[in-house]
C-alpha cells in the first residue's frame, strides 16, 4: 500500500479513541506516496512495515520500520520499486536540511508539517534525493563509513553517544562545512544551524573521531560515495 495523506504518525501500538498518546509512543512518520507493507489489522488500525526506513533495533535484523497507523491513511496496493541510488549531491542534501531550520523538534518526526527528530531530519534529507539510509541515529552510525575529522566534508554526519555508553548512539547532526552543523536538537527547540563549538563546547579542529568531549563521545561518518 502507499500513504495517501501528507504525513501520518506511526505508533508503537493502536491508540484508543479520545486518548492523547505521549510522544514516546510515536515510532516515526510515513509520507505521501511512501510504500509500506501491511502486516496485520486491528479494527481501524493496521500494523505496517515502512520499507523505505530501514531499522535494526526492534528484532536485531534489518527490516522496514514497524508500527501502527490508521487504516484510512493508506491507499491501494502499489507495485514494488527496488531502486537503490548510492550517490547524491552534498549541496542538495544540505539545502534540504537548512531549509528546515525553524521547524519544531518532534519525537519520531519526519516532516516539515509536524516536525523532526534528529535522525528523522538526516534520514529525510538523504531520502529527498533517493538515497535510503536507516531511520534511527544508532543504525545510521552502524551503516555509515567511519571517517576521520580531517576527512569531513559537507553532508557527512557527526554522531554522539553518552561517555558512559560509548556504543549507543543517541544523537546525529549533519556537517555543513566551515565548522557548522545542522540539527534537530531536542523537545522544545527547533531545527537550527550552529557552530560545532556552540553545540559541543570544543573547536572542531581539536576533536578526533572516538574522542570524549565533555559527557559525549563523538564519531564521524559518511554516506555519500565519491563526493
N, C-alpha and C. Protein backbone atom coordinates (compact mmCIF):
# COMPACT_ATOMS: atom_id res chain seq x y z
N UNK A 1 0.84 -1.18 0.00
CA UNK A 1 0.00 0.00 0.00
C UNK A 1 0.88 1.24 0.00
N UNK A 2 0.30 2.38 -0.38
CA UNK A 2 1.02 3.64 -0.35
C UNK A 2 0.24 4.63 0.52
N UNK A 3 0.96 5.51 1.18
CA UNK A 3 0.34 6.51 2.04
C UNK A 3 -0.34 7.57 1.17
N UNK A 4 -1.57 7.96 1.55
CA UNK A 4 -2.31 8.91 0.70
C UNK A 4 -2.59 10.25 1.38
N UNK A 5 -2.01 10.48 2.57
CA UNK A 5 -2.11 11.77 3.24
C UNK A 5 -0.72 12.39 3.28
N UNK A 6 -0.60 13.71 3.50
CA UNK A 6 0.72 14.35 3.50
C UNK A 6 1.70 13.69 4.47
N UNK A 7 1.23 13.37 5.66
CA UNK A 7 2.08 12.71 6.66
C UNK A 7 1.18 12.01 7.66
N UNK A 8 1.59 10.81 8.09
CA UNK A 8 0.82 10.06 9.08
C UNK A 8 1.75 9.56 10.17
N UNK A 9 1.34 9.71 11.43
CA UNK A 9 2.12 9.21 12.55
C UNK A 9 2.06 7.69 12.59
N UNK A 10 3.18 7.08 12.97
CA UNK A 10 3.25 5.64 13.15
C UNK A 10 3.53 5.39 14.63
N UNK A 11 2.63 4.63 15.28
CA UNK A 11 2.68 4.46 16.73
C UNK A 11 3.15 3.05 17.11
N UNK A 12 3.62 2.93 18.33
CA UNK A 12 4.08 1.62 18.80
C UNK A 12 2.93 0.67 19.07
N UNK A 13 1.71 1.20 19.20
CA UNK A 13 0.52 0.39 19.43
C UNK A 13 -0.71 1.17 18.97
N UNK A 14 -1.82 0.51 18.70
CA UNK A 14 -3.04 1.25 18.33
C UNK A 14 -3.45 2.20 19.45
N UNK A 15 -3.99 3.34 19.06
CA UNK A 15 -4.40 4.36 20.04
C UNK A 15 -5.92 4.34 20.19
N UNK A 16 -6.39 4.25 21.41
CA UNK A 16 -7.83 4.23 21.65
C UNK A 16 -8.43 5.61 21.41
N UNK A 17 -9.69 5.68 20.96
CA UNK A 17 -10.35 6.97 20.74
C UNK A 17 -10.34 7.82 22.00
N UNK A 18 -10.04 9.09 21.84
CA UNK A 18 -10.05 10.01 22.97
C UNK A 18 -8.75 10.03 23.76
N UNK A 19 -7.84 9.12 23.49
CA UNK A 19 -6.57 9.06 24.20
C UNK A 19 -5.53 9.90 23.47
N UNK A 20 -4.81 10.74 24.21
CA UNK A 20 -3.71 11.51 23.64
C UNK A 20 -2.42 10.81 24.03
N UNK A 21 -1.78 10.13 23.08
CA UNK A 21 -0.59 9.34 23.43
C UNK A 21 0.62 10.23 23.68
N UNK A 22 1.54 9.81 24.55
CA UNK A 22 2.79 10.56 24.74
C UNK A 22 3.67 10.46 23.51
N UNK A 23 4.52 11.45 23.30
CA UNK A 23 5.40 11.46 22.13
C UNK A 23 6.22 10.19 22.02
N UNK A 24 6.60 9.62 23.16
CA UNK A 24 7.48 8.45 23.15
C UNK A 24 6.86 7.26 22.43
N UNK A 25 5.54 7.25 22.26
CA UNK A 25 4.89 6.15 21.57
C UNK A 25 4.87 6.36 20.05
N UNK A 26 5.29 7.54 19.59
CA UNK A 26 5.40 7.77 18.15
C UNK A 26 6.72 7.17 17.67
N UNK A 27 6.64 6.14 16.83
CA UNK A 27 7.85 5.48 16.35
C UNK A 27 8.51 6.26 15.23
N UNK A 28 7.71 6.74 14.27
CA UNK A 28 8.21 7.52 13.14
C UNK A 28 7.00 8.12 12.45
N UNK A 29 7.17 8.60 11.23
CA UNK A 29 6.08 9.07 10.39
C UNK A 29 6.27 8.49 9.00
N UNK A 30 5.18 8.39 8.25
CA UNK A 30 5.26 7.99 6.84
C UNK A 30 4.68 9.13 6.01
N UNK A 31 5.22 9.28 4.81
CA UNK A 31 4.91 10.43 3.97
C UNK A 31 4.06 10.04 2.77
N UNK A 32 3.45 11.05 2.15
CA UNK A 32 2.60 10.81 1.00
C UNK A 32 3.34 10.00 -0.07
N UNK A 33 2.72 8.93 -0.53
CA UNK A 33 3.29 8.10 -1.57
C UNK A 33 4.30 7.08 -1.09
N UNK A 34 4.66 7.13 0.19
CA UNK A 34 5.64 6.17 0.71
C UNK A 34 5.06 4.76 0.72
N UNK A 35 5.86 3.79 0.27
CA UNK A 35 5.39 2.42 0.18
C UNK A 35 5.53 1.71 1.52
N UNK A 36 4.49 1.03 1.95
CA UNK A 36 4.50 0.27 3.20
C UNK A 36 3.94 -1.12 2.95
N UNK A 37 4.33 -2.06 3.78
CA UNK A 37 3.81 -3.42 3.73
C UNK A 37 2.89 -3.62 4.93
N UNK A 38 1.65 -4.05 4.68
CA UNK A 38 0.69 -4.28 5.77
C UNK A 38 0.90 -5.67 6.34
N UNK A 39 1.09 -5.73 7.67
CA UNK A 39 1.34 -7.00 8.34
C UNK A 39 0.09 -7.59 8.99
N UNK A 40 -0.74 -6.73 9.58
CA UNK A 40 -1.97 -7.21 10.21
C UNK A 40 -2.90 -6.03 10.44
N UNK A 41 -4.18 -6.34 10.74
CA UNK A 41 -5.18 -5.31 11.02
C UNK A 41 -5.78 -5.52 12.40
N UNK A 42 -6.21 -4.41 13.01
CA UNK A 42 -6.92 -4.47 14.28
C UNK A 42 -7.90 -3.30 14.31
N UNK A 43 -9.16 -3.57 13.94
CA UNK A 43 -10.15 -2.51 13.86
C UNK A 43 -9.73 -1.48 12.83
N UNK A 44 -9.71 -0.19 13.21
CA UNK A 44 -9.34 0.86 12.26
C UNK A 44 -7.83 1.02 12.08
N UNK A 45 -7.05 0.17 12.73
CA UNK A 45 -5.60 0.28 12.68
C UNK A 45 -4.99 -0.87 11.89
N UNK A 46 -3.82 -0.60 11.28
CA UNK A 46 -3.05 -1.65 10.62
C UNK A 46 -1.60 -1.54 11.09
N UNK A 47 -0.98 -2.70 11.26
CA UNK A 47 0.45 -2.72 11.58
C UNK A 47 1.22 -2.82 10.27
N UNK A 48 2.10 -1.88 10.08
CA UNK A 48 2.81 -1.77 8.81
C UNK A 48 4.32 -1.92 9.01
N UNK A 49 4.98 -2.10 7.88
CA UNK A 49 6.44 -2.03 7.83
C UNK A 49 6.78 -0.97 6.80
N UNK A 50 7.42 0.10 7.25
CA UNK A 50 7.81 1.19 6.36
C UNK A 50 9.14 0.82 5.71
N UNK A 51 9.07 0.26 4.51
CA UNK A 51 10.25 -0.37 3.90
C UNK A 51 11.32 0.62 3.47
N UNK A 52 10.97 1.90 3.36
CA UNK A 52 11.96 2.91 2.99
C UNK A 52 12.67 3.48 4.20
N UNK A 53 12.39 2.92 5.38
CA UNK A 53 13.01 3.39 6.62
C UNK A 53 13.67 2.21 7.33
N UNK A 54 14.85 1.78 6.90
CA UNK A 54 15.48 0.60 7.49
C UNK A 54 15.79 0.78 8.98
N UNK A 55 15.58 -0.30 9.73
CA UNK A 55 15.90 -0.31 11.15
C UNK A 55 16.43 -1.69 11.53
N UNK A 56 17.24 -1.72 12.56
CA UNK A 56 17.81 -2.96 13.07
C UNK A 56 17.38 -3.21 14.51
N UNK A 57 16.91 -2.13 15.16
CA UNK A 57 16.72 -2.10 16.61
C UNK A 57 15.69 -3.09 17.13
N UNK A 58 14.55 -3.22 16.46
CA UNK A 58 13.45 -3.96 17.04
C UNK A 58 13.70 -5.46 17.14
N UNK A 59 14.26 -6.06 16.10
CA UNK A 59 14.39 -7.52 16.07
C UNK A 59 15.81 -7.98 15.73
N UNK A 60 16.79 -7.08 15.88
CA UNK A 60 18.20 -7.40 15.62
C UNK A 60 18.40 -7.96 14.21
N UNK A 61 17.67 -7.42 13.27
CA UNK A 61 17.85 -7.74 11.85
C UNK A 61 17.34 -6.53 11.06
N UNK A 62 17.84 -6.36 9.85
CA UNK A 62 17.40 -5.22 9.05
C UNK A 62 16.01 -5.46 8.49
N UNK A 63 15.14 -4.48 8.66
CA UNK A 63 13.76 -4.56 8.20
C UNK A 63 13.22 -3.14 8.05
N UNK A 64 12.03 -3.02 7.45
CA UNK A 64 11.38 -1.72 7.40
C UNK A 64 10.86 -1.35 8.78
N UNK A 65 10.76 -0.06 9.06
CA UNK A 65 10.34 0.39 10.39
C UNK A 65 8.90 -0.07 10.67
N UNK A 66 8.68 -0.80 11.77
CA UNK A 66 7.35 -1.31 12.07
C UNK A 66 6.56 -0.37 12.97
N UNK A 67 5.23 -0.47 12.90
CA UNK A 67 4.38 0.31 13.79
C UNK A 67 2.94 0.30 13.30
N UNK A 68 2.10 1.02 14.02
CA UNK A 68 0.66 1.04 13.74
C UNK A 68 0.23 2.39 13.20
N UNK A 69 -0.62 2.36 12.17
CA UNK A 69 -1.11 3.58 11.54
C UNK A 69 -2.60 3.40 11.24
N UNK A 70 -3.32 4.50 11.18
CA UNK A 70 -4.75 4.44 10.86
C UNK A 70 -4.94 3.90 9.44
N UNK A 71 -5.84 2.93 9.30
CA UNK A 71 -6.10 2.29 8.01
C UNK A 71 -6.56 3.31 6.97
N UNK A 72 -7.29 4.32 7.41
CA UNK A 72 -7.85 5.31 6.49
C UNK A 72 -6.77 6.15 5.80
N UNK A 73 -5.55 6.13 6.35
CA UNK A 73 -4.47 6.94 5.77
C UNK A 73 -3.78 6.25 4.60
N UNK A 74 -4.11 4.98 4.38
CA UNK A 74 -3.41 4.21 3.35
C UNK A 74 -4.26 4.08 2.10
N UNK A 75 -3.60 4.13 0.95
CA UNK A 75 -4.27 3.96 -0.32
C UNK A 75 -4.15 2.52 -0.80
N UNK A 76 -4.36 2.28 -2.09
CA UNK A 76 -4.32 0.93 -2.64
C UNK A 76 -2.90 0.39 -2.73
N UNK A 77 -2.82 -0.91 -2.95
CA UNK A 77 -1.54 -1.57 -3.13
C UNK A 77 -0.83 -1.00 -4.35
N UNK A 78 0.51 -0.87 -4.24
CA UNK A 78 1.29 -0.34 -5.35
C UNK A 78 2.34 -1.36 -5.77
N UNK A 79 2.88 -1.16 -6.96
CA UNK A 79 3.94 -2.04 -7.43
C UNK A 79 5.23 -1.76 -6.66
N UNK A 80 6.04 -2.77 -6.46
CA UNK A 80 7.30 -2.64 -5.74
C UNK A 80 8.32 -1.91 -6.61
N UNK A 81 9.04 -0.98 -5.99
CA UNK A 81 10.11 -0.26 -6.68
C UNK A 81 11.38 -0.45 -5.86
N UNK A 82 12.31 -1.20 -6.37
CA UNK A 82 13.50 -1.56 -5.60
C UNK A 82 14.74 -0.78 -6.05
N UNK A 83 14.56 0.45 -6.48
CA UNK A 83 15.72 1.25 -6.89
C UNK A 83 16.61 1.54 -5.68
N UNK A 84 17.91 1.51 -5.88
CA UNK A 84 18.87 1.89 -4.85
C UNK A 84 19.88 2.83 -5.48
N UNK A 85 19.95 4.04 -4.99
CA UNK A 85 20.86 5.04 -5.54
C UNK A 85 21.83 5.44 -4.43
N UNK A 86 23.14 5.30 -4.65
CA UNK A 86 24.10 5.47 -3.58
C UNK A 86 25.01 6.68 -3.74
N UNK A 87 24.63 7.61 -4.58
CA UNK A 87 25.40 8.84 -4.70
C UNK A 87 24.45 9.98 -4.96
N UNK A 88 24.66 11.09 -4.26
CA UNK A 88 23.81 12.25 -4.45
C UNK A 88 24.62 13.49 -4.09
N UNK A 89 24.12 14.65 -4.36
CA UNK A 89 24.88 15.88 -4.18
C UNK A 89 24.85 16.35 -2.73
N UNK A 90 26.04 16.58 -2.09
CA UNK A 90 26.06 17.13 -0.72
C UNK A 90 25.31 18.45 -0.63
N UNK A 91 25.44 19.29 -1.68
CA UNK A 91 24.79 20.60 -1.65
C UNK A 91 23.28 20.45 -1.56
N UNK A 92 22.72 19.48 -2.27
CA UNK A 92 21.26 19.30 -2.27
C UNK A 92 20.78 18.75 -0.92
N UNK A 93 21.55 17.81 -0.36
CA UNK A 93 21.19 17.27 0.95
C UNK A 93 21.20 18.39 1.99
N UNK A 94 22.25 19.18 1.99
CA UNK A 94 22.36 20.28 2.95
C UNK A 94 21.29 21.34 2.72
N UNK A 95 21.00 21.62 1.45
CA UNK A 95 19.98 22.62 1.16
C UNK A 95 18.64 22.21 1.77
N UNK A 96 18.31 20.92 1.65
CA UNK A 96 17.05 20.46 2.25
C UNK A 96 17.09 20.64 3.76
N UNK A 97 18.18 20.19 4.40
CA UNK A 97 18.26 20.28 5.86
C UNK A 97 18.20 21.74 6.32
N UNK A 98 18.92 22.61 5.63
CA UNK A 98 18.93 24.02 6.02
C UNK A 98 17.58 24.68 5.77
N UNK A 99 16.84 24.19 4.79
CA UNK A 99 15.52 24.76 4.51
C UNK A 99 14.52 24.41 5.60
N UNK A 100 14.87 23.44 6.44
CA UNK A 100 14.00 23.04 7.56
C UNK A 100 14.31 23.80 8.84
N UNK A 101 15.31 24.69 8.82
CA UNK A 101 15.65 25.48 10.01
C UNK A 101 14.40 26.23 10.49
N UNK A 102 14.14 26.14 11.78
CA UNK A 102 12.95 26.76 12.36
C UNK A 102 11.79 25.79 12.57
N UNK A 103 11.88 24.59 11.97
CA UNK A 103 10.83 23.58 12.13
C UNK A 103 10.93 22.98 13.54
N UNK A 104 9.81 22.80 14.24
CA UNK A 104 9.87 22.28 15.60
C UNK A 104 10.46 20.88 15.68
N UNK A 105 11.10 20.60 16.81
CA UNK A 105 11.52 19.22 17.11
C UNK A 105 10.29 18.41 17.47
N UNK A 106 10.23 17.19 16.97
CA UNK A 106 9.14 16.28 17.31
C UNK A 106 9.70 14.87 17.40
N UNK A 107 9.52 14.24 18.56
CA UNK A 107 9.97 12.85 18.75
C UNK A 107 9.32 11.97 17.67
N UNK A 108 10.14 11.26 16.91
CA UNK A 108 9.63 10.41 15.85
C UNK A 108 9.25 11.16 14.59
N UNK A 109 9.49 12.47 14.55
CA UNK A 109 9.06 13.30 13.43
C UNK A 109 9.91 13.13 12.19
N UNK A 110 9.24 13.25 11.03
CA UNK A 110 9.90 13.04 9.75
C UNK A 110 9.38 14.02 8.71
N UNK A 111 8.78 15.14 9.16
CA UNK A 111 8.12 16.01 8.19
C UNK A 111 8.14 17.47 8.61
N UNK A 112 8.14 18.36 7.62
CA UNK A 112 8.05 19.79 7.89
C UNK A 112 6.67 20.12 8.47
N UNK A 113 5.65 19.35 8.06
CA UNK A 113 4.29 19.63 8.53
C UNK A 113 4.16 19.47 10.04
N UNK A 114 4.85 18.47 10.62
CA UNK A 114 4.70 18.20 12.05
C UNK A 114 5.99 18.37 12.85
N UNK A 115 7.12 18.17 12.22
CA UNK A 115 8.39 18.32 12.92
C UNK A 115 9.34 17.16 12.67
N UNK A 116 10.56 17.30 13.18
CA UNK A 116 11.62 16.31 13.00
C UNK A 116 12.28 15.98 14.33
N UNK A 117 12.73 14.72 14.45
CA UNK A 117 13.72 14.43 15.47
C UNK A 117 15.08 14.41 14.78
N UNK A 118 16.16 14.18 15.54
CA UNK A 118 17.50 14.36 14.95
C UNK A 118 17.74 13.43 13.78
N UNK A 119 17.44 12.15 13.95
CA UNK A 119 17.70 11.19 12.88
C UNK A 119 16.67 11.31 11.76
N UNK A 120 15.45 11.77 12.11
CA UNK A 120 14.43 11.98 11.09
C UNK A 120 14.85 13.05 10.10
N UNK A 121 15.47 14.12 10.58
CA UNK A 121 15.95 15.19 9.70
C UNK A 121 17.03 14.65 8.76
N UNK A 122 17.97 13.88 9.30
CA UNK A 122 19.05 13.32 8.48
C UNK A 122 18.49 12.32 7.47
N UNK A 123 17.64 11.40 7.92
CA UNK A 123 17.03 10.41 7.03
C UNK A 123 16.29 11.08 5.88
N UNK A 124 15.50 12.08 6.22
CA UNK A 124 14.68 12.75 5.20
C UNK A 124 15.54 13.53 4.22
N UNK A 125 16.61 14.17 4.70
CA UNK A 125 17.48 14.95 3.81
C UNK A 125 18.09 14.06 2.73
N UNK A 126 18.50 12.85 3.11
CA UNK A 126 19.06 11.93 2.12
C UNK A 126 17.97 11.34 1.24
N UNK A 127 16.85 11.00 1.85
CA UNK A 127 15.79 10.34 1.08
C UNK A 127 15.16 11.26 0.05
N UNK A 128 15.20 12.56 0.28
CA UNK A 128 14.69 13.51 -0.70
C UNK A 128 15.36 13.31 -2.06
N UNK A 129 16.58 12.81 -2.04
CA UNK A 129 17.34 12.62 -3.28
C UNK A 129 17.61 11.15 -3.53
N UNK A 130 16.65 10.33 -3.10
CA UNK A 130 16.57 8.91 -3.44
C UNK A 130 17.71 8.07 -2.89
N UNK A 131 18.27 8.48 -1.76
CA UNK A 131 19.23 7.62 -1.07
C UNK A 131 18.60 7.22 0.26
N UNK A 132 18.31 5.94 0.41
CA UNK A 132 17.67 5.43 1.61
C UNK A 132 18.75 5.04 2.62
N UNK A 133 18.70 5.65 3.81
CA UNK A 133 19.59 5.28 4.90
C UNK A 133 18.70 4.91 6.09
N UNK A 134 19.26 4.24 7.11
CA UNK A 134 18.43 3.84 8.25
C UNK A 134 17.68 5.01 8.88
N UNK A 135 16.62 4.68 9.61
CA UNK A 135 15.75 5.70 10.19
C UNK A 135 16.32 6.31 11.47
N UNK A 136 16.95 5.51 12.34
CA UNK A 136 17.38 5.99 13.65
C UNK A 136 18.89 6.23 13.72
N UNK A 137 19.29 7.07 14.66
CA UNK A 137 20.68 7.52 14.74
C UNK A 137 21.67 6.37 14.92
N UNK A 138 21.37 5.43 15.81
CA UNK A 138 22.32 4.34 16.06
C UNK A 138 22.52 3.49 14.80
N UNK A 139 21.42 3.19 14.13
CA UNK A 139 21.54 2.40 12.91
C UNK A 139 22.19 3.19 11.77
N UNK A 140 21.98 4.51 11.74
CA UNK A 140 22.68 5.34 10.76
C UNK A 140 24.19 5.25 10.98
N UNK A 141 24.60 5.23 12.22
CA UNK A 141 26.01 5.08 12.57
C UNK A 141 26.52 3.69 12.17
N UNK A 142 25.70 2.67 12.39
CA UNK A 142 26.10 1.30 12.04
C UNK A 142 26.42 1.17 10.55
N UNK A 143 25.65 1.84 9.71
CA UNK A 143 25.78 1.71 8.26
C UNK A 143 26.75 2.71 7.63
N UNK A 144 27.04 3.81 8.34
CA UNK A 144 27.90 4.85 7.76
C UNK A 144 29.35 4.38 7.68
N UNK A 145 30.08 4.94 6.72
CA UNK A 145 31.51 4.68 6.62
C UNK A 145 32.25 5.52 7.65
N UNK A 146 33.01 4.91 8.56
CA UNK A 146 33.76 5.70 9.55
C UNK A 146 34.82 6.56 8.86
N UNK A 147 34.92 7.80 9.26
CA UNK A 147 35.94 8.70 8.70
C UNK A 147 36.61 9.47 9.81
N UNK A 148 37.76 10.07 9.48
CA UNK A 148 38.48 10.90 10.44
C UNK A 148 38.04 12.35 10.30
N UNK A 149 38.37 13.15 11.31
CA UNK A 149 37.95 14.55 11.28
C UNK A 149 38.50 15.29 10.07
N UNK A 150 39.72 15.01 9.68
CA UNK A 150 40.32 15.71 8.53
C UNK A 150 39.62 15.36 7.22
N UNK A 151 38.85 14.27 7.20
CA UNK A 151 38.14 13.85 6.00
C UNK A 151 36.74 14.45 5.89
N UNK A 152 36.27 15.13 6.94
CA UNK A 152 34.90 15.65 6.95
C UNK A 152 34.62 16.56 5.77
N UNK A 153 33.49 16.29 5.11
CA UNK A 153 33.00 17.14 4.03
C UNK A 153 31.54 17.49 4.31
N UNK A 154 31.03 18.56 3.68
CA UNK A 154 29.62 18.89 3.86
C UNK A 154 28.71 17.70 3.54
N UNK A 155 27.71 17.49 4.38
CA UNK A 155 26.73 16.40 4.30
C UNK A 155 27.24 15.10 4.93
N UNK A 156 28.47 15.10 5.49
CA UNK A 156 28.87 13.99 6.33
C UNK A 156 28.11 14.11 7.66
N UNK A 157 28.19 13.07 8.47
CA UNK A 157 27.42 13.02 9.71
C UNK A 157 28.33 13.02 10.93
N UNK A 158 27.87 13.66 11.98
CA UNK A 158 28.56 13.66 13.27
C UNK A 158 27.63 13.00 14.28
N UNK A 159 28.08 11.89 14.83
CA UNK A 159 27.29 11.13 15.79
C UNK A 159 27.82 11.36 17.20
N UNK A 160 26.96 11.19 18.18
CA UNK A 160 27.43 11.28 19.57
C UNK A 160 26.72 10.25 20.44
N UNK A 161 27.45 9.81 21.45
CA UNK A 161 26.93 8.87 22.44
C UNK A 161 27.30 9.39 23.82
N UNK A 162 26.59 8.96 24.85
CA UNK A 162 26.99 9.29 26.20
C UNK A 162 28.31 8.61 26.51
N UNK A 163 29.19 9.33 27.20
CA UNK A 163 30.51 8.76 27.52
C UNK A 163 30.37 7.48 28.33
N UNK A 164 29.30 7.37 29.10
CA UNK A 164 29.08 6.18 29.92
C UNK A 164 28.60 4.99 29.09
N UNK A 165 28.08 5.27 27.86
CA UNK A 165 27.60 4.21 26.97
C UNK A 165 28.11 4.50 25.55
N UNK A 166 29.41 4.33 25.33
CA UNK A 166 30.02 4.74 24.05
C UNK A 166 29.54 3.96 22.84
N UNK A 167 28.93 2.80 23.04
CA UNK A 167 28.47 2.01 21.92
C UNK A 167 27.03 2.24 21.56
N UNK A 168 26.36 3.22 22.17
CA UNK A 168 24.95 3.50 21.89
C UNK A 168 24.80 4.94 21.43
N UNK A 169 24.64 5.14 20.13
CA UNK A 169 24.49 6.48 19.57
C UNK A 169 23.12 7.05 19.93
N UNK A 170 23.12 8.27 20.44
CA UNK A 170 21.86 8.90 20.84
C UNK A 170 21.54 10.17 20.06
N UNK A 171 22.50 10.66 19.25
CA UNK A 171 22.23 11.91 18.51
C UNK A 171 23.05 11.93 17.23
N UNK A 172 22.51 12.59 16.22
CA UNK A 172 23.20 12.74 14.95
C UNK A 172 22.92 14.13 14.39
N UNK A 173 23.94 14.73 13.75
CA UNK A 173 23.78 16.03 13.10
C UNK A 173 24.46 15.96 11.73
N UNK A 174 24.07 16.86 10.85
CA UNK A 174 24.71 17.00 9.53
C UNK A 174 25.82 18.03 9.62
N UNK A 175 26.98 17.69 9.07
CA UNK A 175 28.06 18.66 8.99
C UNK A 175 27.80 19.57 7.78
N UNK A 176 27.85 20.89 8.01
CA UNK A 176 27.51 21.85 6.97
C UNK A 176 28.73 22.56 6.39
N UNK A 177 29.93 22.17 6.82
CA UNK A 177 31.14 22.86 6.36
C UNK A 177 31.44 24.05 7.25
N UNK A 178 32.67 24.54 7.20
CA UNK A 178 33.09 25.72 7.97
C UNK A 178 32.78 25.59 9.47
N UNK A 179 32.93 24.36 9.97
CA UNK A 179 32.72 24.05 11.39
C UNK A 179 31.28 24.34 11.85
N UNK A 180 30.33 24.30 10.91
CA UNK A 180 28.91 24.47 11.22
C UNK A 180 28.19 23.14 11.13
N UNK A 181 27.09 23.01 11.89
CA UNK A 181 26.26 21.81 11.84
C UNK A 181 24.79 22.21 11.69
N UNK A 182 23.98 21.28 11.17
CA UNK A 182 22.53 21.45 11.14
C UNK A 182 21.95 20.29 11.93
N UNK A 183 21.04 20.60 12.86
CA UNK A 183 20.50 19.55 13.72
C UNK A 183 19.08 19.86 14.17
N UNK A 184 18.37 18.80 14.55
CA UNK A 184 17.12 18.91 15.30
C UNK A 184 17.49 18.54 16.73
N UNK A 185 17.61 19.52 17.64
CA UNK A 185 18.27 19.29 18.92
C UNK A 185 17.50 18.44 19.93
N UNK A 186 16.33 18.92 20.36
CA UNK A 186 15.59 18.22 21.40
C UNK A 186 14.21 18.85 21.56
N UNK A 187 13.36 18.19 22.34
CA UNK A 187 12.00 18.68 22.56
C UNK A 187 12.02 20.12 23.08
N UNK A 188 11.15 20.96 22.52
CA UNK A 188 11.07 22.35 22.93
C UNK A 188 11.94 23.27 22.09
N UNK A 189 12.76 22.70 21.20
CA UNK A 189 13.63 23.50 20.35
C UNK A 189 13.23 23.30 18.89
N UNK A 190 13.93 23.98 17.99
CA UNK A 190 13.65 23.88 16.56
C UNK A 190 14.92 23.48 15.81
N UNK A 191 14.74 23.02 14.57
CA UNK A 191 15.89 22.73 13.73
C UNK A 191 16.74 24.00 13.61
N UNK A 192 18.05 23.84 13.74
CA UNK A 192 18.92 25.02 13.77
C UNK A 192 20.25 24.74 13.10
N UNK A 193 20.93 25.83 12.73
CA UNK A 193 22.29 25.75 12.22
C UNK A 193 23.19 26.52 13.17
N UNK A 194 24.15 25.82 13.76
CA UNK A 194 25.03 26.44 14.76
C UNK A 194 26.45 25.93 14.52
N UNK A 195 27.39 26.51 15.24
CA UNK A 195 28.77 26.05 15.14
C UNK A 195 28.96 24.76 15.95
N UNK A 196 29.94 23.97 15.55
CA UNK A 196 30.29 22.77 16.31
C UNK A 196 30.62 23.14 17.75
N UNK A 197 31.33 24.24 17.93
CA UNK A 197 31.74 24.66 19.28
C UNK A 197 30.53 25.02 20.13
N UNK A 198 29.54 25.71 19.52
CA UNK A 198 28.33 26.06 20.28
C UNK A 198 27.61 24.81 20.76
N UNK A 199 27.62 23.77 19.94
CA UNK A 199 26.93 22.53 20.29
C UNK A 199 27.73 21.71 21.30
N UNK A 200 29.01 21.54 21.06
CA UNK A 200 29.79 20.58 21.84
C UNK A 200 30.81 21.20 22.79
N UNK A 201 31.02 22.52 22.70
CA UNK A 201 31.91 23.18 23.64
C UNK A 201 33.39 23.11 23.30
N UNK A 202 33.73 22.58 22.12
CA UNK A 202 35.12 22.49 21.67
C UNK A 202 35.19 22.87 20.20
N UNK A 203 36.34 23.39 19.79
CA UNK A 203 36.56 23.64 18.38
C UNK A 203 36.64 22.30 17.64
N UNK A 204 36.05 22.25 16.45
CA UNK A 204 36.07 21.00 15.69
C UNK A 204 37.50 20.54 15.42
N UNK A 205 38.40 21.46 15.16
CA UNK A 205 39.79 21.10 14.84
C UNK A 205 40.50 20.43 16.00
N UNK A 206 39.92 20.48 17.19
CA UNK A 206 40.52 19.86 18.37
C UNK A 206 39.98 18.46 18.65
N UNK A 207 39.04 18.01 17.82
CA UNK A 207 38.33 16.76 18.11
C UNK A 207 38.61 15.71 17.05
N UNK A 208 38.91 14.49 17.48
CA UNK A 208 39.06 13.37 16.57
C UNK A 208 37.92 12.37 16.80
N UNK A 209 37.60 11.58 15.78
CA UNK A 209 36.54 10.59 15.91
C UNK A 209 36.89 9.60 17.02
N UNK A 210 35.92 9.35 17.89
CA UNK A 210 36.13 8.45 19.02
C UNK A 210 36.59 9.15 20.29
N UNK A 211 36.73 10.47 20.22
CA UNK A 211 37.22 11.23 21.37
C UNK A 211 36.07 11.66 22.28
N UNK A 212 36.34 11.69 23.58
CA UNK A 212 35.37 12.16 24.56
C UNK A 212 35.41 13.68 24.64
N UNK A 213 34.26 14.31 24.51
CA UNK A 213 34.13 15.76 24.61
C UNK A 213 33.06 16.04 25.66
N UNK A 214 33.48 16.47 26.83
CA UNK A 214 32.52 16.65 27.92
C UNK A 214 31.91 15.32 28.31
N UNK A 215 30.59 15.22 28.24
CA UNK A 215 29.90 13.98 28.60
C UNK A 215 29.57 13.13 27.38
N UNK A 216 30.09 13.51 26.20
CA UNK A 216 29.78 12.79 24.97
C UNK A 216 31.03 12.20 24.33
N UNK A 217 30.82 11.17 23.53
CA UNK A 217 31.85 10.66 22.63
C UNK A 217 31.40 10.97 21.21
N UNK A 218 32.31 11.50 20.41
CA UNK A 218 32.00 11.96 19.06
C UNK A 218 32.54 10.98 18.02
N UNK A 219 31.73 10.71 17.00
CA UNK A 219 32.16 9.88 15.86
C UNK A 219 31.78 10.60 14.57
N UNK A 220 32.57 10.38 13.52
CA UNK A 220 32.28 10.94 12.21
C UNK A 220 31.98 9.81 11.22
N UNK A 221 31.02 10.05 10.32
CA UNK A 221 30.65 9.03 9.34
C UNK A 221 30.19 9.62 8.02
N UNK A 222 30.15 8.77 6.99
CA UNK A 222 29.82 9.26 5.64
C UNK A 222 28.92 8.27 4.91
N UNK A 223 28.01 8.82 4.10
CA UNK A 223 27.16 8.02 3.21
C UNK A 223 27.41 8.32 1.74
N UNK A 224 27.89 9.51 1.42
CA UNK A 224 28.00 9.92 0.03
C UNK A 224 29.30 9.42 -0.58
N UNK A 225 29.23 8.44 -1.44
CA UNK A 225 30.41 7.86 -2.09
C UNK A 225 30.88 8.73 -3.24
N UNK A 226 32.16 8.97 -3.29
CA UNK A 226 32.74 9.67 -4.44
C UNK A 226 32.43 11.14 -4.48
N UNK A 227 31.98 11.70 -3.35
CA UNK A 227 31.65 13.14 -3.34
C UNK A 227 32.79 13.93 -2.70
